[in-house]
Amino acid sequence: MSFAFILLIISNCFMTLAWYGHLKFLHDAPLWQAVLFGWAIALLEYSFMIPATRLLDAQGWSLGQMKITQEVMTLMVFVPFMIYLFKQPFKLDYLWAGCCLLGCVYFVFRSQNA
């Protein structure tokens, strides 16, 4: 299971870069270049995401469990990305958002035993 999490983290790094990296690295480029930049990086993201979800599926995870776990990892990757690459200030609200996601994790995993 931990290998799947490593793949998910790598996947999220690529996807965050695909979605927002053009704002940093191609800010003045034409839109079509930003789209191609995003697509090229998203291809790498899929190369990690698909094996991760297959591993989790083979371990009996539901789609809801996989998606909520993905969202938690997205926040874990996005906040440092935003702070270090874009020099955005940290806000306590990001911590509260993370706590809300932990609540989502609790409920989606609790239901497997109910």
PDB file of N, CA and C in Angstrom:
ATOM      1  N   MET A   1       0.824  -1.204   0.000  1.00  0.00           N
ATOM      2  CA  MET A   1       0.000   0.000   0.000  1.00  0.00           C
ATOM      3  C   MET A   1       0.862   1.260   0.000  1.00  0.00           C
ATOM      4  N   SER A   2       1.978   1.252   0.666  1.00  0.00           N
ATOM      5  CA  SER A   2       2.804   2.463   0.723  1.00  0.00           C
ATOM      6  C   SER A   2       3.364   2.826  -0.650  1.00  0.00           C
ATOM      7  N   PHE A   3       3.624   1.816  -1.505  1.00  0.00           N
ATOM      8  CA  PHE A   3       4.108   2.119  -2.850  1.00  0.00           C
ATOM      9  C   PHE A   3       3.046   2.882  -3.633  1.00  0.00           C
ATOM     10  N   ALA A   4       1.786   2.522  -3.448  1.00  0.00           N
ATOM     11  CA  ALA A   4       0.699   3.243  -4.111  1.00  0.00           C
ATOM     12  C   ALA A   4       0.665   4.689  -3.646  1.00  0.00           C
ATOM     13  N   PHE A   5       0.907   4.930  -2.360  1.00  0.00           N
ATOM     14  CA  PHE A   5       0.917   6.303  -1.850  1.00  0.00           C
ATOM     15  C   PHE A   5       2.071   7.106  -2.436  1.00  0.00           C
ATOM     16  N   ILE A   6       3.210   6.479  -2.589  1.00  0.00           N
ATOM     17  CA  ILE A   6       4.350   7.161  -3.216  1.00  0.00           C
ATOM     18  C   ILE A   6       3.997   7.545  -4.649  1.00  0.00           C
ATOM     19  N   LEU A   7       3.361   6.622  -5.368  1.00  0.00           N
ATOM     20  CA  LEU A   7       2.931   6.922  -6.738  1.00  0.00           C
ATOM     21  C   LEU A   7       1.922   8.062  -6.760  1.00  0.00           C
ATOM     22  N   LEU A   8       0.998   8.072  -5.794  1.00  0.00           N
ATOM     23  CA  LEU A   8       0.009   9.151  -5.730  1.00  0.00           C
ATOM     24  C   LEU A   8       0.661  10.503  -5.459  1.00  0.00           C
ATOM     25  N   ILE A   9       1.640  10.536  -4.598  1.00  0.00           N
ATOM     26  CA  ILE A   9       2.335  11.796  -4.304  1.00  0.00           C
ATOM     27  C   ILE A   9       3.071  12.302  -5.538  1.00  0.00           C
ATOM     28  N   ILE A  10       3.781  11.405  -6.219  1.00  0.00           N
ATOM     29  CA  ILE A  10       4.485  11.793  -7.446  1.00  0.00           C
ATOM     30  C   ILE A  10       3.476  12.291  -8.487  1.00  0.00           C
ATOM     31  N   SER A  11       2.390  11.558  -8.623  1.00  0.00           N
ATOM     32  CA  SER A  11       1.337  11.937  -9.554  1.00  0.00           C
ATOM     33  C   SER A  11       0.815  13.336  -9.256  1.00  0.00           C
ATOM     34  N   ASN A  12       0.572  13.608  -7.989  1.00  0.00           N
ATOM     35  CA  ASN A  12       0.053  14.920  -7.595  1.00  0.00           C
ATOM     36  C   ASN A  12       1.060  16.033  -7.853  1.00  0.00           C
ATOM     37  N   CYS A  13       2.323  15.750  -7.695  1.00  0.00           N
ATOM     38  CA  CYS A  13       3.345  16.758  -8.001  1.00  0.00           C
ATOM     39  C   CYS A  13       3.274  17.145  -9.474  1.00  0.00           C
ATOM     40  N   PHE A  14       3.176  16.139 -10.337  1.00  0.00           N
ATOM     41  CA  PHE A  14       3.084  16.423 -11.768  1.00  0.00           C
ATOM     42  C   PHE A  14       1.778  17.151 -12.112  1.00  0.00           C
ATOM     43  N   MET A  15       0.667  16.721 -11.512  1.00  0.00           N
ATOM     44  CA  MET A  15      -0.606  17.343 -11.869  1.00  0.00           C
ATOM     45  C   MET A  15      -0.679  18.782 -11.384  1.00  0.00           C
ATOM     46  N   THR A  16      -0.158  19.039 -10.201  1.00  0.00           N
ATOM     47  CA  THR A  16      -0.145  20.420  -9.712  1.00  0.00           C
ATOM     48  C   THR A  16       0.692  21.293 -10.635  1.00  0.00           C
ATOM     49  N   LEU A  17       1.818  20.758 -11.082  1.00  0.00           N
ATOM     50  CA  LEU A  17       2.653  21.499 -12.022  1.00  0.00           C
ATOM     51  C   LEU A  17       1.931  21.688 -13.357  1.00  0.00           C
ATOM     52  N   ALA A  18       1.221  20.672 -13.814  1.00  0.00           N
ATOM     53  CA  ALA A  18       0.485  20.786 -15.083  1.00  0.00           C
ATOM     54  C   ALA A  18      -0.615  21.834 -14.990  1.00  0.00           C
ATOM     55  N   TRP A  19      -1.304  21.874 -13.867  1.00  0.00           N
ATOM     56  CA  TRP A  19      -2.422  22.803 -13.730  1.00  0.00           C
ATOM     57  C   TRP A  19      -1.981  24.244 -13.493  1.00  0.00           C
ATOM     58  N   TYR A  20      -0.906  24.433 -12.726  1.00  0.00           N
ATOM     59  CA  TYR A  20      -0.541  25.786 -12.296  1.00  0.00           C
ATOM     60  C   TYR A  20       0.857  26.232 -12.732  1.00  0.00           C
ATOM     61  N   GLY A  21       1.691  25.322 -13.187  1.00  0.00           N
ATOM     62  CA  GLY A  21       3.059  25.666 -13.553  1.00  0.00           C
ATOM     63  C   GLY A  21       3.159  26.679 -14.673  1.00  0.00           C
ATOM     64  N   HIS A  22       2.191  26.644 -15.593  1.00  0.00           N
ATOM     65  CA  HIS A  22       2.221  27.598 -16.708  1.00  0.00           C
ATOM     66  C   HIS A  22       2.115  29.039 -16.210  1.00  0.00           C
ATOM     67  N   LEU A  23       1.484  29.232 -15.050  1.00  0.00           N
ATOM     68  CA  LEU A  23       1.370  30.591 -14.508  1.00  0.00           C
ATOM     69  C   LEU A  23       2.727  31.133 -14.072  1.00  0.00           C
ATOM     70  N   LYS A  24       3.624  30.224 -13.710  1.00  0.00           N
ATOM     71  CA  LYS A  24       4.963  30.625 -13.262  1.00  0.00           C
ATOM     72  C   LYS A  24       5.957  30.627 -14.427  1.00  0.00           C
ATOM     73  N   PHE A  25       5.917  29.567 -15.235  1.00  0.00           N
ATOM     74  CA  PHE A  25       6.957  29.379 -16.237  1.00  0.00           C
ATOM     75  C   PHE A  25       6.592  29.851 -17.639  1.00  0.00           C
ATOM     76  N   LEU A  26       5.307  29.952 -17.935  1.00  0.00           N
ATOM     77  CA  LEU A  26       4.869  30.368 -19.275  1.00  0.00           C
ATOM     78  C   LEU A  26       3.861  31.508 -19.185  1.00  0.00           C
ATOM     79  N   HIS A  27       4.043  32.369 -18.240  1.00  0.00           N
ATOM     80  CA  HIS A  27       3.073  33.430 -17.965  1.00  0.00           C
ATOM     81  C   HIS A  27       2.769  34.285 -19.194  1.00  0.00           C
ATOM     82  N   ASP A  28       3.786  34.604 -19.970  1.00  0.00           N
ATOM     83  CA  ASP A  28       3.594  35.462 -21.139  1.00  0.00           C
ATOM     84  C   ASP A  28       3.481  34.682 -22.447  1.00  0.00           C
ATOM     85  N   ALA A  29       3.481  33.363 -22.371  1.00  0.00           N
ATOM     86  CA  ALA A  29       3.393  32.530 -23.576  1.00  0.00           C
ATOM     87  C   ALA A  29       1.953  32.501 -24.083  1.00  0.00           C
ATOM     88  N   PRO A  30       1.784  32.202 -25.360  1.00  0.00           N
ATOM     89  CA  PRO A  30       0.421  32.057 -25.886  1.00  0.00           C
ATOM     90  C   PRO A  30      -0.309  30.898 -25.197  1.00  0.00           C
ATOM     91  N   LEU A  31      -1.615  30.968 -25.200  1.00  0.00           N
ATOM     92  CA  LEU A  31      -2.433  29.959 -24.532  1.00  0.00           C
ATOM     93  C   LEU A  31      -2.153  28.551 -25.046  1.00  0.00           C
ATOM     94  N   TRP A  32      -1.967  28.388 -26.349  1.00  0.00           N
ATOM     95  CA  TRP A  32      -1.753  27.057 -26.905  1.00  0.00           C
ATOM     96  C   TRP A  32      -0.473  26.430 -26.343  1.00  0.00           C
ATOM     97  N   GLN A  33       0.555  27.235 -26.060  1.00  0.00           N
ATOM     98  CA  GLN A  33       1.781  26.698 -25.472  1.00  0.00           C
ATOM     99  C   GLN A  33       1.539  26.264 -24.022  1.00  0.00           C
ATOM    100  N   ALA A  34       0.758  27.042 -23.308  1.00  0.00           N
ATOM    101  CA  ALA A  34       0.435  26.668 -21.931  1.00  0.00           C
ATOM    102  C   ALA A  34      -0.371  25.373 -21.901  1.00  0.00           C
ATOM    103  N   VAL A  35      -1.292  25.208 -22.855  1.00  0.00           N
ATOM    104  CA  VAL A  35      -2.087  23.981 -22.921  1.00  0.00           C
ATOM    105  C   VAL A  35      -1.188  22.785 -23.239  1.00  0.00           C
ATOM    106  N   LEU A  36      -0.309  22.921 -24.204  1.00  0.00           N
ATOM    107  CA  LEU A  36       0.611  21.825 -24.537  1.00  0.00           C
ATOM    108  C   LEU A  36       1.528  21.494 -23.366  1.00  0.00           C
ATOM    109  N   PHE A  37       1.991  22.513 -22.670  1.00  0.00           N
ATOM    110  CA  PHE A  37       2.809  22.317 -21.471  1.00  0.00           C
ATOM    111  C   PHE A  37       2.037  21.472 -20.456  1.00  0.00           C
ATOM    112  N   GLY A  38       0.792  21.850 -20.204  1.00  0.00           N
ATOM    113  CA  GLY A  38      -0.033  21.111 -19.251  1.00  0.00           C
ATOM    114  C   GLY A  38      -0.287  19.687 -19.691  1.00  0.00           C
ATOM    115  N   TRP A  39      -0.593  19.475 -20.958  1.00  0.00           N
ATOM    116  CA  TRP A  39      -0.864  18.129 -21.463  1.00  0.00           C
ATOM    117  C   TRP A  39       0.370  17.235 -21.361  1.00  0.00           C
ATOM    118  N   ALA A  40       1.523  17.783 -21.686  1.00  0.00           N
ATOM    119  CA  ALA A  40       2.754  16.982 -21.622  1.00  0.00           C
ATOM    120  C   ALA A  40       3.027  16.524 -20.186  1.00  0.00           C
ATOM    121  N   ILE A  41       2.826  17.417 -19.249  1.00  0.00           N
ATOM    122  CA  ILE A  41       3.062  17.058 -17.847  1.00  0.00           C
ATOM    123  C   ILE A  41       1.961  16.129 -17.342  1.00  0.00           C
ATOM    124  N   ALA A  42       0.733  16.340 -17.786  1.00  0.00           N
ATOM    125  CA  ALA A  42      -0.371  15.475 -17.366  1.00  0.00           C
ATOM    126  C   ALA A  42      -0.149  14.036 -17.833  1.00  0.00           C
ATOM    127  N   LEU A  43       0.498  13.852 -18.968  1.00  0.00           N
ATOM    128  CA  LEU A  43       0.814  12.496 -19.419  1.00  0.00           C
ATOM    129  C   LEU A  43       1.712  11.790 -18.396  1.00  0.00           C
ATOM    130  N   LEU A  44       2.672  12.518 -17.863  1.00  0.00           N
ATOM    131  CA  LEU A  44       3.518  11.950 -16.801  1.00  0.00           C
ATOM    132  C   LEU A  44       2.681  11.642 -15.558  1.00  0.00           C
ATOM    133  N   GLU A  45       1.760  12.539 -15.242  1.00  0.00           N
ATOM    134  CA  GLU A  45       0.907  12.334 -14.072  1.00  0.00           C
ATOM    135  C   GLU A  45       0.116  11.041 -14.216  1.00  0.00           C
ATOM    136  N   TYR A  46      -0.454  10.794 -15.373  1.00  0.00           N
ATOM    137  CA  TYR A  46      -1.229   9.575 -15.591  1.00  0.00           C
ATOM    138  C   TYR A  46      -0.356   8.330 -15.463  1.00  0.00           C
ATOM    139  N   SER A  47       0.917   8.451 -15.826  1.00  0.00           N
ATOM    140  CA  SER A  47       1.833   7.313 -15.737  1.00  0.00           C
ATOM    141  C   SER A  47       2.062   6.866 -14.301  1.00  0.00           C
ATOM    142  N   PHE A  48       1.780   7.736 -13.351  1.00  0.00           N
ATOM    143  CA  PHE A  48       1.891   7.383 -11.929  1.00  0.00           C
ATOM    144  C   PHE A  48       0.515   7.130 -11.303  1.00  0.00           C
ATOM    145  N   MET A  49      -0.488   7.888 -11.726  1.00  0.00           N
ATOM    146  CA  MET A  49      -1.816   7.769 -11.133  1.00  0.00           C
ATOM    147  C   MET A  49      -2.474   6.435 -11.452  1.00  0.00           C
ATOM    148  N   ILE A  50      -2.404   6.015 -12.689  1.00  0.00           N
ATOM    149  CA  ILE A  50      -3.093   4.788 -13.086  1.00  0.00           C
ATOM    150  C   ILE A  50      -2.521   3.562 -12.373  1.00  0.00           C
ATOM    151  N   PRO A  51      -1.207   3.388 -12.296  1.00  0.00           N
ATOM    152  CA  PRO A  51      -0.708   2.248 -11.511  1.00  0.00           C
ATOM    153  C   PRO A  51      -1.093   2.333 -10.030  1.00  0.00           C
ATOM    154  N   ALA A  52      -1.113   3.548  -9.483  1.00  0.00           N
ATOM    155  CA  ALA A  52      -1.488   3.709  -8.068  1.00  0.00           C
ATOM    156  C   ALA A  52      -2.924   3.267  -7.838  1.00  0.00           C
ATOM    157  N   THR A  53      -3.841   3.697  -8.706  1.00  0.00           N
ATOM    158  CA  THR A  53      -5.245   3.324  -8.509  1.00  0.00           C
ATOM    159  C   THR A  53      -5.462   1.835  -8.765  1.00  0.00           C
ATOM    160  N   ARG A  54      -4.709   1.263  -9.660  1.00  0.00           N
ATOM    161  CA  ARG A  54      -4.820  -0.191  -9.866  1.00  0.00           C
ATOM    162  C   ARG A  54      -4.340  -0.962  -8.643  1.00  0.00           C
ATOM    163  N   LEU A  55      -3.254  -0.491  -8.044  1.00  0.00           N
ATOM    164  CA  LEU A  55      -2.772  -1.147  -6.816  1.00  0.00           C
ATOM    165  C   LEU A  55      -3.804  -1.044  -5.698  1.00  0.00           C
ATOM    166  N   LEU A  56      -4.382   0.128  -5.533  1.00  0.00           N
ATOM    167  CA  LEU A  56      -5.383   0.315  -4.480  1.00  0.00           C
ATOM    168  C   LEU A  56      -6.645  -0.491  -4.767  1.00  0.00           C
ATOM    169  N   ASP A  57      -7.039  -0.560  -6.026  1.00  0.00           N
ATOM    170  CA  ASP A  57      -8.196  -1.364  -6.403  1.00  0.00           C
ATOM    171  C   ASP A  57      -7.949  -2.839  -6.099  1.00  0.00           C
ATOM    172  N   ALA A  58      -6.755  -3.310  -6.406  1.00  0.00           N
ATOM    173  CA  ALA A  58      -6.407  -4.707  -6.130  1.00  0.00           C
ATOM    174  C   ALA A  58      -6.420  -5.006  -4.632  1.00  0.00           C
ATOM    175  N   GLN A  59      -6.238  -3.971  -3.822  1.00  0.00           N
ATOM    176  CA  GLN A  59      -6.260  -4.148  -2.365  1.00  0.00           C
ATOM    177  C   GLN A  59      -7.664  -3.978  -1.793  1.00  0.00           C
ATOM    178  N   GLY A  60      -8.646  -3.769  -2.664  1.00  0.00           N
ATOM    179  CA  GLY A  60     -10.024  -3.701  -2.222  1.00  0.00           C
ATOM    180  C   GLY A  60     -10.543  -2.323  -1.865  1.00  0.00           C
ATOM    181  N   TRP A  61      -9.811  -1.275  -2.231  1.00  0.00           N
ATOM    182  CA  TRP A  61     -10.276   0.089  -1.951  1.00  0.00           C
ATOM    183  C   TRP A  61     -11.456   0.415  -2.862  1.00  0.00           C
ATOM    184  N   SER A  62     -12.427   1.139  -2.341  1.00  0.00           N
ATOM    185  CA  SER A  62     -13.541   1.609  -3.164  1.00  0.00           C
ATOM    186  C   SER A  62     -13.111   2.864  -3.929  1.00  0.00           C
ATOM    187  N   LEU A  63     -13.903   3.227  -4.938  1.00  0.00           N
ATOM    188  CA  LEU A  63     -13.608   4.455  -5.688  1.00  0.00           C
ATOM    189  C   LEU A  63     -13.664   5.674  -4.777  1.00  0.00           C
ATOM    190  N   GLY A  64     -14.625   5.701  -3.864  1.00  0.00           N
ATOM    191  CA  GLY A  64     -14.728   6.820  -2.929  1.00  0.00           C
ATOM    192  C   GLY A  64     -13.500   6.934  -2.044  1.00  0.00           C
ATOM    193  N   GLN A  65     -13.005   5.832  -1.569  1.00  0.00           N
ATOM    194  CA  GLN A  65     -11.798   5.849  -0.730  1.00  0.00           C
ATOM    195  C   GLN A  65     -10.592   6.338  -1.525  1.00  0.00           C
ATOM    196  N   MET A  66     -10.494   5.882  -2.759  1.00  0.00           N
ATOM    197  CA  MET A  66      -9.371   6.334  -3.590  1.00  0.00           C
ATOM    198  C   MET A  66      -9.462   7.833  -3.860  1.00  0.00           C
ATOM    199  N   LYS A  67     -10.658   8.326  -4.160  1.00  0.00           N
ATOM    200  CA  LYS A  67     -10.826   9.745  -4.500  1.00  0.00           C
ATOM    201  C   LYS A  67     -10.558  10.644  -3.295  1.00  0.00           C
ATOM    202  N   ILE A  68     -11.083  10.285  -2.141  1.00  0.00           N
ATOM    203  CA  ILE A  68     -10.857  11.112  -0.952  1.00  0.00           C
ATOM    204  C   ILE A  68      -9.375  11.113  -0.589  1.00  0.00           C
ATOM    205  N   THR A  69      -8.732   9.960  -0.677  1.00  0.00           N
ATOM    206  CA  THR A  69      -7.284   9.890  -0.414  1.00  0.00           C
ATOM    207  C   THR A  69      -6.530  10.776  -1.395  1.00  0.00           C
ATOM    208  N   GLN A  70      -6.943  10.746  -2.653  1.00  0.00           N
ATOM    209  CA  GLN A  70      -6.333  11.595  -3.680  1.00  0.00           C
ATOM    210  C   GLN A  70      -6.474  13.078  -3.328  1.00  0.00           C
ATOM    211  N   GLU A  71      -7.632  13.470  -2.849  1.00  0.00           N
ATOM    212  CA  GLU A  71      -7.857  14.880  -2.503  1.00  0.00           C
ATOM    213  C   GLU A  71      -6.988  15.315  -1.329  1.00  0.00           C
ATOM    214  N   VAL A  72      -6.819  14.449  -0.356  1.00  0.00           N
ATOM    215  CA  VAL A  72      -5.932  14.764   0.779  1.00  0.00           C
ATOM    216  C   VAL A  72      -4.505  14.954   0.278  1.00  0.00           C
ATOM    217  N   MET A  73      -4.060  14.053  -0.581  1.00  0.00           N
ATOM    218  CA  MET A  73      -2.702  14.167  -1.117  1.00  0.00           C
ATOM    219  C   MET A  73      -2.552  15.401  -1.992  1.00  0.00           C
ATOM    220  N   THR A  74      -3.602  15.765  -2.708  1.00  0.00           N
ATOM    221  CA  THR A  74      -3.562  16.979  -3.525  1.00  0.00           C
ATOM    222  C   THR A  74      -3.297  18.201  -2.646  1.00  0.00           C
ATOM    223  N   LEU A  75      -3.993  18.293  -1.538  1.00  0.00           N
ATOM    224  CA  LEU A  75      -3.787  19.421  -0.625  1.00  0.00           C
ATOM    225  C   LEU A  75      -2.381  19.381  -0.021  1.00  0.00           C
ATOM    226  N   MET A  76      -1.905  18.185   0.319  1.00  0.00           N
ATOM    227  CA  MET A  76      -0.560  18.058   0.893  1.00  0.00           C
ATOM    228  C   MET A  76       0.518  18.499  -0.094  1.00  0.00           C
ATOM    229  N   VAL A  77       0.290  18.290  -1.373  1.00  0.00           N
ATOM    230  CA  VAL A  77       1.254  18.700  -2.400  1.00  0.00           C
ATOM    231  C   VAL A  77       1.054  20.173  -2.762  1.00  0.00           C
ATOM    232  N   PHE A  78      -0.194  20.601  -2.877  1.00  0.00           N
ATOM    233  CA  PHE A  78      -0.474  21.947  -3.372  1.00  0.00           C
ATOM    234  C   PHE A  78      -0.007  23.046  -2.422  1.00  0.00           C
ATOM    235  N   VAL A  79      -0.224  22.883  -1.136  1.00  0.00           N
ATOM    236  CA  VAL A  79       0.127  23.956  -0.195  1.00  0.00           C
ATOM    237  C   VAL A  79       1.630  24.263  -0.232  1.00  0.00           C
ATOM    238  N   PRO A  80       2.525  23.266  -0.135  1.00  0.00           N
ATOM    239  CA  PRO A  80       3.960  23.612  -0.267  1.00  0.00           C
ATOM    240  C   PRO A  80       4.304  24.190  -1.646  1.00  0.00           C
ATOM    241  N   PHE A  81       3.668  23.673  -2.697  1.00  0.00           N
ATOM    242  CA  PHE A  81       3.877  24.188  -4.053  1.00  0.00           C
ATOM    243  C   PHE A  81       3.534  25.669  -4.118  1.00  0.00           C
ATOM    244  N   MET A  82       2.396  26.010  -3.548  1.00  0.00           N
ATOM    245  CA  MET A  82       1.914  27.386  -3.552  1.00  0.00           C
ATOM    246  C   MET A  82       2.844  28.301  -2.734  1.00  0.00           C
ATOM    247  N   ILE A  83       3.297  27.807  -1.589  1.00  0.00           N
ATOM    248  CA  ILE A  83       4.129  28.614  -0.704  1.00  0.00           C
ATOM    249  C   ILE A  83       5.527  28.812  -1.283  1.00  0.00           C
ATOM    250  N   TYR A  84       6.166  27.726  -1.736  1.00  0.00           N
ATOM    251  CA  TYR A  84       7.564  27.816  -2.159  1.00  0.00           C
ATOM    252  C   TYR A  84       7.736  28.279  -3.598  1.00  0.00           C
ATOM    253  N   LEU A  85       6.901  27.803  -4.509  1.00  0.00           N
ATOM    254  CA  LEU A  85       7.091  28.178  -5.907  1.00  0.00           C
ATOM    255  C   LEU A  85       6.442  29.522  -6.231  1.00  0.00           C
ATOM    256  N   PHE A  86       5.261  29.779  -5.668  1.00  0.00           N
ATOM    257  CA  PHE A  86       4.540  31.005  -5.976  1.00  0.00           C
ATOM    258  C   PHE A  86       4.656  32.066  -4.884  1.00  0.00           C
ATOM    259  N   LYS A  87       5.358  31.738  -3.822  1.00  0.00           N
ATOM    260  CA  LYS A  87       5.604  32.699  -2.729  1.00  0.00           C
ATOM    261  C   LYS A  87       4.305  33.235  -2.127  1.00  0.00           C
ATOM    262  N   GLN A  88       3.284  32.397  -2.068  1.00  0.00           N
ATOM    263  CA  GLN A  88       2.017  32.774  -1.457  1.00  0.00           C
ATOM    264  C   GLN A  88       2.125  32.567   0.056  1.00  0.00           C
ATOM    265  N   PRO A  89       1.475  33.388   0.839  1.00  0.00           N
ATOM    266  CA  PRO A  89       1.555  33.220   2.299  1.00  0.00           C
ATOM    267  C   PRO A  89       0.727  32.024   2.760  1.00  0.00           C
ATOM    268  N   PHE A  90       1.193  31.385   3.809  1.00  0.00           N
ATOM    269  CA  PHE A  90       0.416  30.309   4.424  1.00  0.00           C
ATOM    270  C   PHE A  90      -0.716  30.931   5.217  1.00  0.00           C
ATOM    271  N   LYS A  91      -1.891  30.339   5.128  1.00  0.00           N
ATOM    272  CA  LYS A  91      -3.043  30.806   5.891  1.00  0.00           C
ATOM    273  C   LYS A  91      -3.544  29.655   6.747  1.00  0.00           C
ATOM    274  N   LEU A  92      -3.982  29.995   7.920  1.00  0.00           N
ATOM    275  CA  LEU A  92      -4.502  28.983   8.830  1.00  0.00           C
ATOM    276  C   LEU A  92      -5.701  28.258   8.222  1.00  0.00           C
ATOM    277  N   ASP A  93      -6.386  28.897   7.313  1.00  0.00           N
ATOM    278  CA  ASP A  93      -7.533  28.262   6.660  1.00  0.00           C
ATOM    279  C   ASP A  93      -7.137  26.994   5.905  1.00  0.00           C
ATOM    280  N   TYR A  94      -5.895  26.908   5.427  1.00  0.00           N
ATOM    281  CA  TYR A  94      -5.447  25.691   4.755  1.00  0.00           C
ATOM    282  C   TYR A  94      -5.389  24.526   5.743  1.00  0.00           C
ATOM    283  N   LEU A  95      -5.002  24.820   6.961  1.00  0.00           N
ATOM    284  CA  LEU A  95      -5.000  23.795   8.004  1.00  0.00           C
ATOM    285  C   LEU A  95      -6.426  23.339   8.295  1.00  0.00           C
ATOM    286  N   TRP A  96      -7.356  24.276   8.381  1.00  0.00           N
ATOM    287  CA  TRP A  96      -8.754  23.920   8.631  1.00  0.00           C
ATOM    288  C   TRP A  96      -9.323  23.120   7.457  1.00  0.00           C
ATOM    289  N   ALA A  97      -8.953  23.483   6.253  1.00  0.00           N
ATOM    290  CA  ALA A  97      -9.404  22.719   5.079  1.00  0.00           C
ATOM    291  C   ALA A  97      -8.876  21.288   5.154  1.00  0.00           C
ATOM    292  N   GLY A  98      -7.620  21.150   5.591  1.00  0.00           N
ATOM    293  CA  GLY A  98      -7.046  19.820   5.767  1.00  0.00           C
ATOM    294  C   GLY A  98      -7.802  19.019   6.817  1.00  0.00           C
ATOM    295  N   CYS A  99      -8.202  19.680   7.886  1.00  0.00           N
ATOM    296  CA  CYS A  99      -8.987  18.994   8.927  1.00  0.00           C
ATOM    297  C   CYS A  99     -10.332  18.531   8.372  1.00  0.00           C
ATOM    298  N   CYS A 100     -10.933  19.341   7.542  1.00  0.00           N
ATOM    299  CA  CYS A 100     -12.196  18.935   6.917  1.00  0.00           C
ATOM    300  C   CYS A 100     -11.988  17.706   6.035  1.00  0.00           C
ATOM    301  N   LEU A 101     -10.892  17.690   5.291  1.00  0.00           N
ATOM    302  CA  LEU A 101     -10.599  16.517   4.469  1.00  0.00           C
ATOM    303  C   LEU A 101     -10.353  15.281   5.326  1.00  0.00           C
ATOM    304  N   LEU A 102      -9.729  15.457   6.475  1.00  0.00           N
ATOM    305  CA  LEU A 102      -9.543  14.310   7.373  1.00  0.00           C
ATOM    306  C   LEU A 102     -10.897  13.780   7.834  1.00  0.00           C
ATOM    307  N   GLY A 103     -11.856  14.678   8.014  1.00  0.00           N
ATOM    308  CA  GLY A 103     -13.211  14.240   8.319  1.00  0.00           C
ATOM    309  C   GLY A 103     -13.781  13.410   7.176  1.00  0.00           C
ATOM    310  N   CYS A 104     -13.530  13.825   5.954  1.00  0.00           N
ATOM    311  CA  CYS A 104     -13.972  13.055   4.784  1.00  0.00           C
ATOM    312  C   CYS A 104     -13.333  11.669   4.788  1.00  0.00           C
ATOM    313  N   VAL A 105     -12.052  11.621   5.101  1.00  0.00           N
ATOM    314  CA  VAL A 105     -11.347  10.338   5.171  1.00  0.00           C
ATOM    315  C   VAL A 105     -12.015   9.441   6.211  1.00  0.00           C
ATOM    316  N   TYR A 106     -12.289  10.002   7.367  1.00  0.00           N
ATOM    317  CA  TYR A 106     -12.926   9.224   8.436  1.00  0.00           C
ATOM    318  C   TYR A 106     -14.234   8.607   7.942  1.00  0.00           C
ATOM    319  N   PHE A 107     -15.091   9.418   7.346  1.00  0.00           N
ATOM    320  CA  PHE A 107     -16.402   8.924   6.957  1.00  0.00           C
ATOM    321  C   PHE A 107     -16.333   7.937   5.802  1.00  0.00           C
ATOM    322  N   VAL A 108     -15.470   8.158   4.832  1.00  0.00           N
ATOM    323  CA  VAL A 108     -15.432   7.247   3.694  1.00  0.00           C
ATOM    324  C   VAL A 108     -14.809   5.896   4.092  1.00  0.00           C
ATOM    325  N   PHE A 109     -13.887   5.894   5.035  1.00  0.00           N
ATOM    326  CA  PHE A 109     -13.305   4.629   5.461  1.00  0.00           C
ATOM    327  C   PHE A 109     -14.145   3.967   6.553  1.00  0.00           C
ATOM    328  N   ARG A 110     -14.875   4.735   7.322  1.00  0.00           N
ATOM    329  CA  ARG A 110     -15.746   4.183   8.354  1.00  0.00           C
ATOM    330  C   ARG A 110     -16.840   3.340   7.721  1.00  0.00           C
ATOM    331  N   SER A 111     -17.343   3.771   6.589  1.00  0.00           N
ATOM    332  CA  SER A 111     -18.474   3.102   5.949  1.00  0.00           C
ATOM    333  C   SER A 111     -18.134   1.694   5.472  1.00  0.00           C
ATOM    334  N   GLN A 112     -16.862   1.373   5.305  1.00  0.00           N
ATOM    335  CA  GLN A 112     -16.510   0.032   4.839  1.00  0.00           C
ATOM    336  C   GLN A 112     -16.796  -1.021   5.908  1.00  0.00           C
ATOM    337  N   ASN A 113     -16.844  -0.586   7.166  1.00  0.00           N
ATOM    338  CA  ASN A 113     -17.108  -1.533   8.266  1.00  0.00           C
ATOM    339  C   ASN A 113     -18.551  -1.501   8.717  1.00  0.00           C
ATOM    340  N   ALA A 114     -19.331  -0.577   8.192  1.00  0.00           N
ATOM    341  CA  ALA A 114     -20.720  -0.434   8.650  1.00  0.00           C
ATOM    342  C   ALA A 114     -21.659  -1.293   7.839  1.00  0.00           C
TER     343      ALA A 114
END
